[in-house]
Structures are given as structure tokens and as C-alpha cells.
Amino acid sequence: MKLIYRLFAAALALISLAGATSAQQPVKPAAQSMDESCPLHKQHTQGQKHDDHLAGVNQRGDQAMGFAQQKTTHHFRLNVSGGAIEVSANDPADTVSRDQIRQHLQEIAQKFAQGDFSLPHFIHAQTPPGVPVMQRLKAEIKYEYVETERGARVRISTRDAQATKAVHEFLRFQIKDHQTGDSGEVKK
């Protein structure tokens, strides 16, 4: 029993000593101490913001495109005359997604040709780079809709150097924001 009392007294002494020590040091706000105590805090919060942004892109994409982003794969290709937007159903038997992709990309080809980029603006919650120039030079850019086995493609081509640069900026933004892993390099 004496051992229990001694342990209890020792614990009380440690608690009072800790309280006296902490009373001498200023208390930092929780958020500030977390920032300072975690050397990777900035990376953690940036990663979370990016994850939240991608979730928003996918949610708005589902709504605007008319098909589930998780059931499909996007690719953005750059070439010397412009590039291409390609979307395909992940499952070859998923004809519903395939048909929805085709409908969406037909609409995209028509709207982009008219200078209407409201869908990318809605999906990405911002005006993608290159869009203002693509709108201004819309008569210099051709959008060709092509069906593929599992979906469709929109070929984007121009002979105008300024328009080509804008198309490349637009496609590189899409690669990054959709996290497709596609190369941003221009292919011949």
C-alpha cells in the first residue's frame, strides 16, 4: 500500500512540475504550432487542396459531360498542328458510357468551333489557359469529331502559330487538371 502512495505522490509531483514548466512558456495557437511542428505541413495541405480540386473537377465533369469520370479515361495529345481530346469507356462492354462520350465530344467539337468554352470553365472552375486566344482565333482552328471503338476523339488543328500555342496551353492544362499522366510534349 505504501508503494501505491509513493507512486501517487510521484505522479502528482511530475504533474505539478510539468504545469510550472508550461506556465513559463507562451502557448502557441494550435494551427501555428502544427505548421511549425510538421516540416511537411505545406505539402500536406497543398496535397489536400489538390485532392479537393480534383474531386470537384470529377464531380462537375460527371454533371457537365453526362458520364461517370471513374468509368472512362481521358487523354490529351499534343501535335505540331494542335492536338486531340480523347475519351474512352474503360469497359469495352460499357456501351452506355461509350455513347455518352460520343454525344459529349460531338457537342464539344461544335461548341469549341463557335468559341464556346463554357463547359471547360464550369468543369475546372476557371478559364483554362489558352482559351481567350482560342476564342479570338476560332476561325483559324478546326475541330474534327471522330468515333473510336470505345468512345470518341476531337482532333484540333490549325496552321496559325498563335492558335497552336494556345491549343497546347489548353491541352497541357487539361493533362494536369485531370491528372491523366499524358505527356505534354508535342508529337509529330
Protein backbone atom coordinates (compact mmCIF):
# COMPACT_ATOMS: atom_id res chain seq x y z
CA MET A 1 0.00 0.00 0.00
CA LYS A 2 2.91 2.33 0.81
CA LEU A 3 4.20 1.73 -2.75
CA ILE A 4 0.90 2.94 -4.23
CA TYR A 5 1.02 6.13 -2.13
CA ARG A 6 4.62 6.78 -3.19
CA LEU A 7 3.74 6.28 -6.87
CA PHE A 8 0.72 8.55 -6.48
CA ALA A 9 2.83 11.24 -4.79
CA ALA A 10 5.50 10.95 -7.52
CA ALA A 11 2.86 11.30 -10.23
CA LEU A 12 1.43 14.42 -8.56
CA ALA A 13 4.90 15.92 -8.31
CA LEU A 14 5.54 15.33 -12.01
CA ILE A 15 2.18 16.83 -12.94
CA SER A 16 2.80 19.98 -10.89
CA LEU A 17 6.33 20.26 -12.28
CA ALA A 18 5.04 19.97 -15.86
CA GLY A 19 2.40 22.61 -15.14
CA ALA A 20 5.01 25.00 -13.76
CA THR A 21 7.26 24.49 -16.79
CA SER A 22 4.47 25.03 -19.31
CA ALA A 23 3.25 28.10 -17.44
CA GLN A 24 6.62 29.73 -18.10
CA GLN A 25 6.46 29.15 -21.87
CA PRO A 26 3.99 31.04 -24.09
CA VAL A 27 1.23 28.92 -25.57
CA LYS A 28 1.13 28.85 -29.36
CA PRO A 29 -2.15 28.64 -31.26
CA ALA A 30 -2.86 25.08 -32.43
CA ALA A 31 -2.65 25.90 -36.14
CA GLN A 32 0.62 27.76 -35.71
CA SER A 33 2.21 25.00 -33.66
CA MET A 34 1.10 22.42 -36.24
CA ASP A 35 2.67 24.47 -39.04
CA GLU A 36 5.90 24.74 -37.11
CA SER A 37 5.97 21.20 -35.77
CA CYS A 38 5.38 19.48 -39.12
CA PRO A 39 8.07 20.27 -41.70
CA LEU A 40 5.83 18.84 -44.44
CA HIS A 41 2.67 20.72 -43.38
CA LYS A 42 2.67 22.90 -46.50
CA GLN A 43 2.93 19.82 -48.73
CA HIS A 44 0.16 18.07 -46.79
CA THR A 45 -2.25 20.97 -47.11
CA GLN A 46 -1.38 21.60 -50.76
CA GLY A 47 -1.99 17.91 -51.49
CA GLN A 48 -5.35 18.08 -49.74
CA LYS A 49 -6.33 21.21 -51.68
CA HIS A 50 -5.32 19.49 -54.92
CA ASP A 51 -7.30 16.34 -53.98
CA ASP A 52 -10.32 18.52 -53.19
CA HIS A 53 -9.90 20.33 -56.51
CA LEU A 54 -9.68 17.05 -58.45
CA ALA A 55 -12.79 15.74 -56.67
CA GLY A 56 -14.60 18.92 -57.73
CA VAL A 57 -13.35 18.57 -61.31
CA ASN A 58 -14.62 14.98 -61.40
CA GLN A 59 -17.98 15.86 -59.83
CA ARG A 60 -18.58 18.78 -62.19
CA GLY A 61 -17.25 16.66 -65.06
CA ASP A 62 -19.81 13.94 -64.35
CA GLN A 63 -22.53 16.59 -64.43
CA ALA A 64 -21.36 18.51 -67.50
CA MET A 65 -20.15 15.58 -69.62
CA GLY A 66 -23.03 13.24 -68.87
CA PHE A 67 -20.88 10.23 -67.97
CA ALA A 68 -19.00 8.98 -64.90
CA GLN A 69 -15.36 10.02 -64.84
CA GLN A 70 -14.48 6.79 -62.97
CA LYS A 71 -15.86 4.67 -65.82
CA THR A 72 -13.88 6.50 -68.51
CA THR A 73 -10.36 7.56 -69.41
CA HIS A 74 -9.37 10.96 -70.83
CA HIS A 75 -6.28 11.57 -72.92
CA PHE A 76 -4.97 14.85 -74.26
CA ARG A 77 -2.42 14.69 -77.07
CA LEU A 78 -0.30 17.49 -78.49
CA ASN A 79 0.99 17.54 -82.06
CA VAL A 80 2.60 20.11 -84.35
CA SER A 81 -0.73 21.36 -85.70
CA GLY A 82 -2.66 21.28 -82.40
CA GLY A 83 -3.66 18.07 -80.71
CA ALA A 84 -6.59 15.92 -79.65
CA ILE A 85 -9.02 15.22 -76.85
CA GLU A 86 -9.78 11.51 -76.50
CA VAL A 87 -12.21 9.82 -74.14
CA SER A 88 -12.94 6.11 -73.94
CA ALA A 89 -15.03 3.80 -71.80
CA ASN A 90 -12.84 1.68 -69.52
CA ASP A 91 -15.02 -1.40 -70.03
CA PRO A 92 -15.37 -2.45 -73.69
CA ALA A 93 -18.90 -3.71 -72.93
CA ASP A 94 -19.98 -0.34 -71.46
CA THR A 95 -21.89 0.94 -74.47
CA VAL A 96 -23.83 3.42 -72.32
CA SER A 97 -20.63 5.31 -71.38
CA ARG A 98 -19.34 4.97 -74.96
CA ASP A 99 -22.49 6.57 -76.35
CA GLN A 100 -22.45 9.33 -73.71
CA ILE A 101 -18.82 10.08 -74.56
CA ARG A 102 -19.69 10.33 -78.24
CA GLN A 103 -22.56 12.69 -77.57
CA HIS A 104 -20.40 14.88 -75.33
CA LEU A 105 -17.46 15.10 -77.75
CA GLN A 106 -19.77 15.93 -80.68
CA GLU A 107 -21.11 18.79 -78.57
CA ILE A 108 -17.57 19.86 -77.58
CA ALA A 109 -16.43 19.98 -81.23
CA GLN A 110 -19.42 22.17 -82.15
CA LYS A 111 -19.17 24.49 -79.13
CA PHE A 112 -15.41 24.96 -79.38
CA ALA A 113 -15.75 25.80 -83.09
CA GLN A 114 -18.18 28.56 -82.07
CA GLY A 115 -15.75 29.82 -79.42
CA ASP A 116 -17.92 28.49 -76.57
CA PHE A 117 -15.70 27.10 -73.79
CA SER A 118 -18.31 27.34 -71.04
CA LEU A 119 -18.12 23.60 -70.26
CA PRO A 120 -14.36 23.55 -69.52
CA HIS A 121 -14.83 26.72 -67.49
CA PHE A 122 -17.59 25.05 -65.45
CA ILE A 123 -15.72 21.75 -65.02
CA HIS A 124 -12.45 23.34 -63.92
CA ALA A 125 -13.99 26.30 -62.04
CA GLN A 126 -11.74 28.64 -64.03
CA THR A 127 -10.96 29.66 -67.57
CA PRO A 128 -8.29 27.25 -68.80
CA PRO A 129 -5.09 28.75 -70.24
CA GLY A 130 -5.22 29.25 -73.99
CA VAL A 131 -8.99 29.74 -74.13
CA PRO A 132 -9.04 33.52 -74.73
CA VAL A 133 -6.73 33.12 -77.76
CA MET A 134 -8.67 30.07 -79.00
CA GLN A 135 -11.87 32.14 -78.82
CA ARG A 136 -10.32 35.09 -80.61
CA LEU A 137 -8.82 32.88 -83.34
CA LYS A 138 -11.75 30.45 -83.59
CA ALA A 139 -11.91 30.84 -87.38
CA GLU A 140 -8.30 29.60 -87.59
CA ILE A 141 -8.92 26.38 -85.63
CA LYS A 142 -10.65 23.24 -86.89
CA TYR A 143 -12.35 20.74 -84.53
CA GLU A 144 -12.95 17.33 -86.10
CA TYR A 145 -15.10 14.75 -84.29
CA VAL A 146 -14.04 11.10 -84.84
CA GLU A 147 -15.61 8.00 -83.26
CA THR A 148 -13.33 5.39 -81.73
CA GLU A 149 -14.05 1.83 -80.64
CA ARG A 150 -14.80 2.78 -77.01
CA GLY A 151 -15.66 6.46 -77.37
CA ALA A 152 -14.51 9.37 -79.48
CA ARG A 153 -11.82 11.92 -80.24
CA VAL A 154 -11.82 15.58 -81.18
CA ARG A 155 -8.87 16.48 -83.38
CA ILE A 156 -7.86 20.11 -83.01
CA SER A 157 -5.81 21.57 -85.84
CA THR A 158 -4.61 24.96 -87.02
CA ARG A 159 -1.94 26.50 -89.21
CA ASP A 160 -1.75 29.64 -87.09
CA ALA A 161 1.28 29.69 -84.75
CA GLN A 162 -0.51 31.72 -82.07
CA ALA A 163 -3.52 29.39 -82.15
CA THR A 164 -1.26 26.32 -81.98
CA LYS A 165 0.44 27.71 -78.89
CA ALA A 166 -2.96 28.37 -77.27
CA VAL A 167 -4.21 24.85 -78.08
CA HIS A 168 -1.07 23.40 -76.50
CA GLU A 169 -1.57 25.52 -73.37
CA PHE A 170 -5.18 24.37 -73.16
CA LEU A 171 -4.29 20.69 -73.59
CA ARG A 172 -1.41 20.82 -71.08
CA PHE A 173 -3.78 22.35 -68.55
CA GLN A 174 -6.25 19.50 -69.17
CA ILE A 175 -3.49 16.92 -68.66
CA LYS A 176 -2.55 18.48 -65.34
CA ASP A 177 -6.05 19.17 -64.03
CA HIS A 178 -7.46 15.75 -64.97
CA GLN A 179 -4.22 14.08 -63.85
CA THR A 180 -4.10 11.91 -66.98
CA GLY A 181 -0.37 11.34 -66.90
CA ASP A 182 -0.19 12.15 -70.61
CA SER A 183 2.96 13.75 -71.98
CA GLY A 184 2.83 17.48 -72.54
CA GLU A 185 5.39 17.05 -75.31
CA VAL A 186 4.48 17.87 -78.89
CA LYS A 187 4.46 14.75 -81.09
CA LYS A 188 4.98 14.84 -84.85
